Amino acid sequence: MKYFGEISKMSTELKDTILYYFNIGDHSIEINNQLGGRINITYDGIIYCIECGVKIKKTFMQGYCYRCFITSPKTSECIFKPHLCRAHIGEARDLEWSKAHCLKEQYVYLSLTSNLKVGVTKNTQIPTRWIDQGASQAIKFAQTSNRYEAGAIEVELKKFISDRTAWQRMLKNDIDTSIDLIQLKETLIEELDKQFHNFIVKNEKIIHINYPHLHYPEKIKSLDLLKVDRIQSRLIAIKGQYLLFEDNTVFNVRKHSGFDIFINLS
C-alpha cells in the first residue's frame, strides 16, 4: 500500500502489546502488522508547520516554525520545565489554553525506559506519555492540581534520579530489570520534603508496557530526512515514537512531524 502526505506522531493504544498507527495525510494506518516487511519512505522536500501550516525549511521542537516555536503556548518554557509554569498566578502565553492544560490535574511519575526517570504529565496523557518515551514500566508518584506544583515535586526528585531518557539504550532494550519501582517510590517518599507528602498517590500498581518487535538492534543510527531523503529497510520493532530497522537505523516519526513523504508498505 502506498500513501502520501504530511506525517504526525504515531497514535497508540495500550494493549498487551502496544498497538501503533502511522498517521499520514488523512490516513491512520495500523502498522504493527508491518513487522518483518519492507518499508520505503521518500521525502519530497516539503515541510509544513504543524501549528500554522506555513511552508518551512526546518522545524523547531518537532514540527513548529520558528514564529510558532516562540509564541505558541504548546512550546512554552513550562512544557520543558514544569516548575517554571506561571499559569496558577495568571501569567501565560495563552491563559485560556493554560487553563485547559496547565491548571488541570497533573501527575508526577516514575518510569523505567533504559534508566530510571522522573517526569510530569497531565492526567489525560497517561499512558500515552509513557509509551511515547519508550518506558517498559511506569508508576504514578504524585497528583497535583496544576503544572507548577507537579514541577516543584519533580525538581525535588531530580536530586536523586534523572528526568532524561538514554534513548539509544532504550531503543536497544537495554533495561535494568532488577529495579523495583514500588520500592524506589517508597525510598523517594522518605527523601521528599514533607510539604509535598499530601500529593503522594498511594497504592498504585506498576504499569508494564510491551512493544511490538521481532528483535532489537545492537547498534543505533538515527535517520534524518534533511540528510537522507529515502529510507528502505525491513521493520524489526516499534518503540516510543521510533521505527526500528534491520540495518540498525531508527526513524523518529515525531521528530519529522510536518514532513511531506511517500510511504510504501509491503
C-alpha atoms as a PDB file:
ATOM      1  CA  MET A   1       0.000   0.000   0.000  1.00  0.00           C
ATOM      2  CA  LYS A   2       1.217   3.481  -0.915  1.00  0.00           C
ATOM      3  CA  TYR A   3       0.366   6.704   0.916  1.00  0.00           C
ATOM      4  CA  PHE A   4       1.377  10.340   0.530  1.00  0.00           C
ATOM      5  CA  GLY A   5       1.024  13.341   2.811  1.00  0.00           C
ATOM      6  CA  GLU A   6       2.134  15.202   5.892  1.00  0.00           C
ATOM      7  CA  ILE A   7       3.042  12.972   8.829  1.00  0.00           C
ATOM      8  CA  SER A   8       2.493  13.449  12.553  1.00  0.00           C
ATOM      9  CA  LYS A   9       3.365  11.474  15.675  1.00  0.00           C
ATOM     10  CA  MET A  10       2.130   7.911  15.791  1.00  0.00           C
ATOM     11  CA  SER A  11      -1.065   7.207  17.715  1.00  0.00           C
ATOM     12  CA  THR A  12      -1.080   4.348  20.205  1.00  0.00           C
ATOM     13  CA  GLU A  13      -3.384   2.084  22.170  1.00  0.00           C
ATOM     14  CA  LEU A  14      -2.422   0.321  25.402  1.00  0.00           C
ATOM     15  CA  LYS A  15      -2.858  -3.391  24.738  1.00  0.00           C
ATOM     16  CA  ASP A  16      -0.902  -6.488  25.814  1.00  0.00           C
ATOM     17  CA  THR A  17       1.409  -5.282  23.037  1.00  0.00           C
ATOM     18  CA  ILE A  18       1.158  -1.585  22.170  1.00  0.00           C
ATOM     19  CA  LEU A  19      -0.897  -1.004  19.018  1.00  0.00           C
ATOM     20  CA  TYR A  20       0.623   1.645  16.739  1.00  0.00           C
ATOM     21  CA  TYR A  21      -0.964   3.770  13.996  1.00  0.00           C
ATOM     22  CA  PHE A  22       1.126   5.670  11.446  1.00  0.00           C
ATOM     23  CA  ASN A  23      -0.576   8.995  10.651  1.00  0.00           C
ATOM     24  CA  ILE A  24      -0.079  10.400   7.164  1.00  0.00           C
ATOM     25  CA  GLY A  25      -2.387  12.871   5.442  1.00  0.00           C
ATOM     26  CA  ASP A  26      -5.954  11.744   6.153  1.00  0.00           C
ATOM     27  CA  HIS A  27      -4.891   8.151   6.863  1.00  0.00           C
ATOM     28  CA  SER A  28      -4.194   6.434  10.164  1.00  0.00           C
ATOM     29  CA  ILE A  29      -2.587   3.091   9.329  1.00  0.00           C
ATOM     30  CA  GLU A  30      -2.194   0.226  11.792  1.00  0.00           C
ATOM     31  CA  ILE A  31       1.488  -0.581  11.470  1.00  0.00           C
ATOM     32  CA  ASN A  32       2.131  -3.485  13.861  1.00  0.00           C
ATOM     33  CA  ASN A  33       1.312  -5.908  11.051  1.00  0.00           C
ATOM     34  CA  GLN A  34       4.207  -4.466   9.029  1.00  0.00           C
ATOM     35  CA  LEU A  35       6.805  -6.114  11.289  1.00  0.00           C
ATOM     36  CA  GLY A  36       9.092  -8.165   9.094  1.00  0.00           C
ATOM     37  CA  GLY A  37       8.054  -6.280   5.967  1.00  0.00           C
ATOM     38  CA  ARG A  38       9.929  -3.660   3.984  1.00  0.00           C
ATOM     39  CA  ILE A  39       9.085  -0.001   4.420  1.00  0.00           C
ATOM     40  CA  ASN A  40      10.039   2.574   1.802  1.00  0.00           C
ATOM     41  CA  ILE A  41       9.900   6.253   2.781  1.00  0.00           C
ATOM     42  CA  THR A  42      10.688   9.080   0.363  1.00  0.00           C
ATOM     43  CA  TYR A  43      10.820  12.730   1.455  1.00  0.00           C
ATOM     44  CA  ASP A  44       9.674  15.224  -1.192  1.00  0.00           C
ATOM     45  CA  GLY A  45      11.463  18.262   0.290  1.00  0.00           C
ATOM     46  CA  ILE A  46       8.370  19.962   1.721  1.00  0.00           C
ATOM     47  CA  ILE A  47       7.666  20.688   5.409  1.00  0.00           C
ATOM     48  CA  TYR A  48       4.664  22.446   6.927  1.00  0.00           C
ATOM     49  CA  CYS A  49       4.466  23.942  10.417  1.00  0.00           C
ATOM     50  CA  ILE A  50       2.094  21.761  12.451  1.00  0.00           C
ATOM     51  CA  GLU A  51       0.690  24.872  14.177  1.00  0.00           C
ATOM     52  CA  CYS A  52       0.102  27.470  11.442  1.00  0.00           C
ATOM     53  CA  GLY A  53       0.615  25.425   8.269  1.00  0.00           C
ATOM     54  CA  VAL A  54       3.234  27.690   6.683  1.00  0.00           C
ATOM     55  CA  LYS A  55       5.831  26.014   4.442  1.00  0.00           C
ATOM     56  CA  ILE A  56       9.243  25.909   6.140  1.00  0.00           C
ATOM     57  CA  LYS A  57      12.777  24.596   5.575  1.00  0.00           C
ATOM     58  CA  LYS A  58      13.323  23.133   9.032  1.00  0.00           C
ATOM     59  CA  THR A  59      11.326  22.591  12.193  1.00  0.00           C
ATOM     60  CA  PHE A  60      11.712  23.590  15.828  1.00  0.00           C
ATOM     61  CA  MET A  61      10.583  21.353  18.690  1.00  0.00           C
ATOM     62  CA  GLN A  62       9.358  18.574  16.397  1.00  0.00           C
ATOM     63  CA  GLY A  63       7.182  20.333  13.875  1.00  0.00           C
ATOM     64  CA  TYR A  64       6.918  24.080  14.525  1.00  0.00           C
ATOM     65  CA  CYS A  65       8.126  27.069  12.508  1.00  0.00           C
ATOM     66  CA  TYR A  66      10.294  29.497  14.447  1.00  0.00           C
ATOM     67  CA  ARG A  67       7.479  32.012  14.925  1.00  0.00           C
ATOM     68  CA  CYS A  68       5.167  29.409  16.438  1.00  0.00           C
ATOM     69  CA  PHE A  69       8.020  27.976  18.471  1.00  0.00           C
ATOM     70  CA  ILE A  70       8.482  31.295  20.293  1.00  0.00           C
ATOM     71  CA  THR A  71       4.774  32.221  20.533  1.00  0.00           C
ATOM     72  CA  SER A  72       2.641  29.078  20.814  1.00  0.00           C
ATOM     73  CA  PRO A  73       1.504  28.011  24.301  1.00  0.00           C
ATOM     74  CA  LYS A  74       2.322  24.424  23.242  1.00  0.00           C
ATOM     75  CA  THR A  75       6.025  25.328  23.212  1.00  0.00           C
ATOM     76  CA  SER A  76       6.078  27.418  26.381  1.00  0.00           C
ATOM     77  CA  GLU A  77       9.019  27.122  28.747  1.00  0.00           C
ATOM     78  CA  CYS A  78       6.926  25.163  31.232  1.00  0.00           C
ATOM     79  CA  ILE A  79       6.449  22.361  28.695  1.00  0.00           C
ATOM     80  CA  PHE A  80      10.159  21.616  29.191  1.00  0.00           C
ATOM     81  CA  LYS A  81      10.397  22.812  32.799  1.00  0.00           C
ATOM     82  CA  PRO A  82       7.067  22.462  34.629  1.00  0.00           C
ATOM     83  CA  HIS A  83       8.360  24.233  37.728  1.00  0.00           C
ATOM     84  CA  LEU A  84       8.563  27.453  35.669  1.00  0.00           C
ATOM     85  CA  CYS A  85       4.830  27.407  34.890  1.00  0.00           C
ATOM     86  CA  ARG A  86       3.092  30.643  35.959  1.00  0.00           C
ATOM     87  CA  ALA A  87      -0.459  29.915  34.871  1.00  0.00           C
ATOM     88  CA  HIS A  88      -1.500  29.490  38.515  1.00  0.00           C
ATOM     89  CA  ILE A  89      -0.750  33.207  39.053  1.00  0.00           C
ATOM     90  CA  GLY A  90      -2.446  34.261  35.838  1.00  0.00           C
ATOM     91  CA  GLU A  91       0.584  34.510  33.555  1.00  0.00           C
ATOM     92  CA  ALA A  92       0.943  32.520  30.314  1.00  0.00           C
ATOM     93  CA  ARG A  93       1.383  32.902  26.558  1.00  0.00           C
ATOM     94  CA  ASP A  94      -2.289  31.985  26.225  1.00  0.00           C
ATOM     95  CA  LEU A  95      -4.108  31.837  29.548  1.00  0.00           C
ATOM     96  CA  GLU A  96      -7.194  30.127  28.138  1.00  0.00           C
ATOM     97  CA  TRP A  97      -5.016  27.349  26.728  1.00  0.00           C
ATOM     98  CA  SER A  98      -3.146  27.084  30.019  1.00  0.00           C
ATOM     99  CA  LYS A  99      -6.408  26.819  31.954  1.00  0.00           C
ATOM    100  CA  ALA A 100      -7.217  23.721  29.906  1.00  0.00           C
ATOM    101  CA  HIS A 101      -3.733  22.187  30.105  1.00  0.00           C
ATOM    102  CA  CYS A 102      -1.644  23.608  32.968  1.00  0.00           C
ATOM    103  CA  LEU A 103      -4.386  24.266  35.521  1.00  0.00           C
ATOM    104  CA  LYS A 104      -5.724  20.731  35.305  1.00  0.00           C
ATOM    105  CA  GLU A 105      -4.833  17.575  37.190  1.00  0.00           C
ATOM    106  CA  GLN A 106      -1.164  16.634  36.710  1.00  0.00           C
ATOM    107  CA  TYR A 107       0.866  13.589  37.672  1.00  0.00           C
ATOM    108  CA  VAL A 108       4.467  13.181  38.665  1.00  0.00           C
ATOM    109  CA  TYR A 109       5.556   9.705  37.615  1.00  0.00           C
ATOM    110  CA  LEU A 110       8.483   7.329  37.805  1.00  0.00           C
ATOM    111  CA  SER A 111       9.350   5.256  34.762  1.00  0.00           C
ATOM    112  CA  LEU A 112      11.907   2.760  33.571  1.00  0.00           C
ATOM    113  CA  THR A 113      12.981   3.444  29.991  1.00  0.00           C
ATOM    114  CA  SER A 114      16.581   2.291  29.996  1.00  0.00           C
ATOM    115  CA  ASN A 115      17.390   4.271  33.110  1.00  0.00           C
ATOM    116  CA  LEU A 116      15.168   5.448  35.921  1.00  0.00           C
ATOM    117  CA  LYS A 117      13.299   8.607  35.049  1.00  0.00           C
ATOM    118  CA  VAL A 118      11.008  11.130  36.725  1.00  0.00           C
ATOM    119  CA  GLY A 119       8.545  13.156  34.688  1.00  0.00           C
ATOM    120  CA  VAL A 120       5.364  15.246  34.704  1.00  0.00           C
ATOM    121  CA  THR A 121       2.295  14.843  32.537  1.00  0.00           C
ATOM    122  CA  LYS A 122      -1.350  15.824  32.645  1.00  0.00           C
ATOM    123  CA  ASN A 123      -3.855  13.146  33.564  1.00  0.00           C
ATOM    124  CA  THR A 124      -5.217  12.788  30.012  1.00  0.00           C
ATOM    125  CA  GLN A 125      -1.732  11.866  28.715  1.00  0.00           C
ATOM    126  CA  ILE A 126      -1.435   8.695  30.766  1.00  0.00           C
ATOM    127  CA  PRO A 127      -0.332   6.191  29.455  1.00  0.00           C
ATOM    128  CA  THR A 128       0.399   7.930  26.117  1.00  0.00           C
ATOM    129  CA  ARG A 129       3.296   9.903  27.597  1.00  0.00           C
ATOM    130  CA  TRP A 130       4.922   6.736  28.926  1.00  0.00           C
ATOM    131  CA  ILE A 131       4.530   4.923  25.612  1.00  0.00           C
ATOM    132  CA  ASP A 132       5.947   7.850  23.609  1.00  0.00           C
ATOM    133  CA  GLN A 133       9.055   7.799  25.823  1.00  0.00           C
ATOM    134  CA  GLY A 134       9.548   4.070  25.360  1.00  0.00           C
ATOM    135  CA  ALA A 135       9.010   3.197  29.028  1.00  0.00           C
ATOM    136  CA  SER A 136       8.794  -0.504  29.845  1.00  0.00           C
ATOM    137  CA  GLN A 137       7.366   0.216  33.302  1.00  0.00           C
ATOM    138  CA  ALA A 138       5.802   3.250  34.952  1.00  0.00           C
ATOM    139  CA  ILE A 139       4.029   4.219  38.153  1.00  0.00           C
ATOM    140  CA  LYS A 140       2.269   7.343  39.403  1.00  0.00           C
ATOM    141  CA  PHE A 141       4.129   9.099  42.196  1.00  0.00           C
ATOM    142  CA  ALA A 142       2.122  12.233  42.998  1.00  0.00           C
ATOM    143  CA  GLN A 143      -1.045  14.009  41.886  1.00  0.00           C
ATOM    144  CA  THR A 144      -1.388  17.793  41.841  1.00  0.00           C
ATOM    145  CA  SER A 145      -3.942  20.372  40.733  1.00  0.00           C
ATOM    146  CA  ASN A 146      -1.608  22.282  38.410  1.00  0.00           C
ATOM    147  CA  ARG A 147       1.633  22.005  36.473  1.00  0.00           C
ATOM    148  CA  TYR A 148       3.636  24.256  38.784  1.00  0.00           C
ATOM    149  CA  GLU A 149       3.023  22.024  41.828  1.00  0.00           C
ATOM    150  CA  ALA A 150       3.993  18.932  39.857  1.00  0.00           C
ATOM    151  CA  GLY A 151       7.117  20.679  38.628  1.00  0.00           C
ATOM    152  CA  ALA A 152       8.152  21.587  42.159  1.00  0.00           C
ATOM    153  CA  ILE A 153       7.961  17.918  43.177  1.00  0.00           C
ATOM    154  CA  GLU A 154       9.865  16.882  40.051  1.00  0.00           C
ATOM    155  CA  VAL A 155      12.679  19.306  40.932  1.00  0.00           C
ATOM    156  CA  GLU A 156      12.990  17.691  44.360  1.00  0.00           C
ATOM    157  CA  LEU A 157      13.080  14.170  42.885  1.00  0.00           C
ATOM    158  CA  LYS A 158      15.694  15.187  40.300  1.00  0.00           C
ATOM    159  CA  LYS A 159      18.144  15.424  43.175  1.00  0.00           C
ATOM    160  CA  PHE A 160      18.040  11.612  43.218  1.00  0.00           C
ATOM    161  CA  ILE A 161      17.091  10.433  39.697  1.00  0.00           C
ATOM    162  CA  SER A 162      17.230  11.834  36.163  1.00  0.00           C
ATOM    163  CA  ASP A 163      14.461  13.456  34.138  1.00  0.00           C
ATOM    164  CA  ARG A 164      16.049  12.354  30.858  1.00  0.00           C
ATOM    165  CA  THR A 165      15.916   9.181  28.777  1.00  0.00           C
ATOM    166  CA  ALA A 166      19.046   7.455  27.491  1.00  0.00           C
ATOM    167  CA  TRP A 167      17.282   6.981  24.167  1.00  0.00           C
ATOM    168  CA  GLN A 168      19.874   4.788  22.461  1.00  0.00           C
ATOM    169  CA  ARG A 169      19.866   2.295  25.325  1.00  0.00           C
ATOM    170  CA  MET A 170      16.073   2.437  25.359  1.00  0.00           C
ATOM    171  CA  LEU A 171      15.896   1.513  21.671  1.00  0.00           C
ATOM    172  CA  LYS A 172      18.321  -1.385  22.180  1.00  0.00           C
ATOM    173  CA  ASN A 173      16.003  -2.528  25.004  1.00  0.00           C
ATOM    174  CA  ASP A 174      18.944  -2.304  27.394  1.00  0.00           C
ATOM    175  CA  ILE A 175      16.944  -2.199  30.634  1.00  0.00           C
ATOM    176  CA  ASP A 176      17.902  -2.886  34.245  1.00  0.00           C
ATOM    177  CA  THR A 177      15.037  -5.222  35.142  1.00  0.00           C
ATOM    178  CA  SER A 178      16.292  -5.572  38.728  1.00  0.00           C
ATOM    179  CA  ILE A 179      14.852  -2.151  39.579  1.00  0.00           C
ATOM    180  CA  ASP A 180      11.679  -2.256  41.696  1.00  0.00           C
ATOM    181  CA  LEU A 181       9.643   0.902  41.050  1.00  0.00           C
ATOM    182  CA  ILE A 182       7.424   0.378  44.089  1.00  0.00           C
ATOM    183  CA  GLN A 183      10.414   0.100  46.416  1.00  0.00           C
ATOM    184  CA  LEU A 184      12.029   3.073  44.692  1.00  0.00           C
ATOM    185  CA  LYS A 185       8.883   5.108  45.206  1.00  0.00           C
ATOM    186  CA  GLU A 186       8.871   4.344  48.930  1.00  0.00           C
ATOM    187  CA  THR A 187      12.529   5.309  49.201  1.00  0.00           C
ATOM    188  CA  LEU A 188      11.939   8.607  47.400  1.00  0.00           C
ATOM    189  CA  ILE A 189       8.941   9.448  49.583  1.00  0.00           C
ATOM    190  CA  GLU A 190      11.221   9.228  52.612  1.00  0.00           C
ATOM    191  CA  GLU A 191      13.636  11.668  50.944  1.00  0.00           C
ATOM    192  CA  LEU A 192      10.907  14.089  49.826  1.00  0.00           C
ATOM    193  CA  ASP A 193      10.255  17.271  51.782  1.00  0.00           C
ATOM    194  CA  LYS A 194       7.182  16.753  53.978  1.00  0.00           C
ATOM    195  CA  GLN A 195       5.416  19.744  52.392  1.00  0.00           C
ATOM    196  CA  PHE A 196       4.825  17.515  49.347  1.00  0.00           C
ATOM    197  CA  HIS A 197       3.590  14.386  51.146  1.00  0.00           C
ATOM    198  CA  ASN A 198      -0.097  15.248  50.754  1.00  0.00           C
ATOM    199  CA  PHE A 199       0.317  14.926  46.992  1.00  0.00           C
ATOM    200  CA  ILE A 200       1.588  11.330  47.084  1.00  0.00           C
ATOM    201  CA  VAL A 201      -0.560   8.797  45.195  1.00  0.00           C
ATOM    202  CA  LYS A 202      -0.933   5.679  47.336  1.00  0.00           C
ATOM    203  CA  ASN A 203      -1.387   2.008  46.448  1.00  0.00           C
ATOM    204  CA  GLU A 204      -0.598   2.492  42.762  1.00  0.00           C
ATOM    205  CA  LYS A 205       0.372  -0.523  40.666  1.00  0.00           C
ATOM    206  CA  ILE A 206       3.179  -0.656  38.129  1.00  0.00           C
ATOM    207  CA  ILE A 207       2.028  -0.431  34.517  1.00  0.00           C
ATOM    208  CA  HIS A 208       4.003  -2.816  32.288  1.00  0.00           C
ATOM    209  CA  ILE A 209       4.360  -1.856  28.631  1.00  0.00           C
ATOM    210  CA  ASN A 210       5.315  -4.241  25.824  1.00  0.00           C
ATOM    211  CA  TYR A 211       6.293  -3.028  22.353  1.00  0.00           C
ATOM    212  CA  PRO A 212       5.874  -4.808  19.003  1.00  0.00           C
ATOM    213  CA  HIS A 213       9.182  -6.316  17.923  1.00  0.00           C
ATOM    214  CA  LEU A 214      10.903  -9.217  16.224  1.00  0.00           C
ATOM    215  CA  HIS A 215      14.173  -8.283  17.902  1.00  0.00           C
ATOM    216  CA  TYR A 216      16.020  -5.108  18.898  1.00  0.00           C
ATOM    217  CA  PRO A 217      19.116  -3.631  17.215  1.00  0.00           C
ATOM    218  CA  GLU A 218      22.590  -3.948  18.704  1.00  0.00           C
ATOM    219  CA  LYS A 219      23.633  -0.521  17.455  1.00  0.00           C
ATOM    220  CA  ILE A 220      21.670   2.660  16.783  1.00  0.00           C
ATOM    221  CA  LYS A 221      21.994   5.041  13.840  1.00  0.00           C
ATOM    222  CA  SER A 222      19.392   7.803  13.743  1.00  0.00           C
ATOM    223  CA  LEU A 223      17.913   8.829  10.379  1.00  0.00           C
ATOM    224  CA  ASP A 224      17.216  12.474   9.482  1.00  0.00           C
ATOM    225  CA  LEU A 225      15.207  13.214   6.327  1.00  0.00           C
ATOM    226  CA  LEU A 226      17.033  16.525   5.941  1.00  0.00           C
ATOM    227  CA  LYS A 227      20.194  14.467   5.364  1.00  0.00           C
ATOM    228  CA  VAL A 228      18.850  11.324   3.680  1.00  0.00           C
ATOM    229  CA  ASP A 229      15.727  11.686   1.570  1.00  0.00           C
ATOM    230  CA  ARG A 230      14.959   7.978   1.283  1.00  0.00           C
ATOM    231  CA  ILE A 231      14.621   5.075   3.724  1.00  0.00           C
ATOM    232  CA  GLN A 232      14.350   1.477   2.506  1.00  0.00           C
ATOM    233  CA  SER A 233      14.637  -1.313   5.051  1.00  0.00           C
ATOM    234  CA  ARG A 234      12.860  -4.110   6.896  1.00  0.00           C
ATOM    235  CA  LEU A 235      10.936  -3.151  10.040  1.00  0.00           C
ATOM    236  CA  ILE A 236      12.002  -5.124  13.128  1.00  0.00           C
ATOM    237  CA  ALA A 237      10.452  -3.148  16.002  1.00  0.00           C
ATOM    238  CA  ILE A 238       8.418  -0.106  17.046  1.00  0.00           C
ATOM    239  CA  LYS A 239       9.169   1.620  20.333  1.00  0.00           C
ATOM    240  CA  GLY A 240       8.460   5.069  21.711  1.00  0.00           C
ATOM    241  CA  GLN A 241       7.948   7.162  18.576  1.00  0.00           C
ATOM    242  CA  TYR A 242      10.575   5.237  16.611  1.00  0.00           C
ATOM    243  CA  LEU A 243      10.510   2.769  13.739  1.00  0.00           C
ATOM    244  CA  LEU A 244      13.494   0.396  14.096  1.00  0.00           C
ATOM    245  CA  PHE A 245      15.017  -1.299  11.053  1.00  0.00           C
ATOM    246  CA  GLU A 246      17.163  -4.376  10.429  1.00  0.00           C
ATOM    247  CA  ASP A 247      20.208  -2.311   9.355  1.00  0.00           C
ATOM    248  CA  ASN A 248      20.387  -0.716  12.853  1.00  0.00           C
ATOM    249  CA  THR A 249      18.843   2.543  11.624  1.00  0.00           C
ATOM    250  CA  VAL A 250      15.952   4.158  13.505  1.00  0.00           C
ATOM    251  CA  PHE A 251      13.421   6.749  12.363  1.00  0.00           C
ATOM    252  CA  ASN A 252      11.919   9.175  14.887  1.00  0.00           C
ATOM    253  CA  VAL A 253       8.436   9.769  13.486  1.00  0.00           C
ATOM    254  CA  ARG A 254       7.506  12.548  15.911  1.00  0.00           C
ATOM    255  CA  LYS A 255      10.699  14.485  15.119  1.00  0.00           C
ATOM    256  CA  HIS A 256       9.559  14.568  11.475  1.00  0.00           C
ATOM    257  CA  SER A 257       6.061  15.895  12.153  1.00  0.00           C
ATOM    258  CA  GLY A 258       5.048  18.204   9.296  1.00  0.00           C
ATOM    259  CA  PHE A 259       7.249  16.496   6.685  1.00  0.00           C
ATOM    260  CA  ASP A 260       5.588  15.507   3.409  1.00  0.00           C
ATOM    261  CA  ILE A 261       6.520  11.946   2.491  1.00  0.00           C
ATOM    262  CA  PHE A 262       5.597   8.992   0.303  1.00  0.00           C
ATOM    263  CA  ILE A 263       5.418   5.692   2.196  1.00  0.00           C
ATOM    264  CA  ASN A 264       5.148   2.248   0.635  1.00  0.00           C
ATOM    265  CA  LEU A 265       4.262  -0.623   2.985  1.00  0.00           C
ATOM    266  CA  SER A 266       4.906  -4.094   1.601  1.00  0.00           C
END
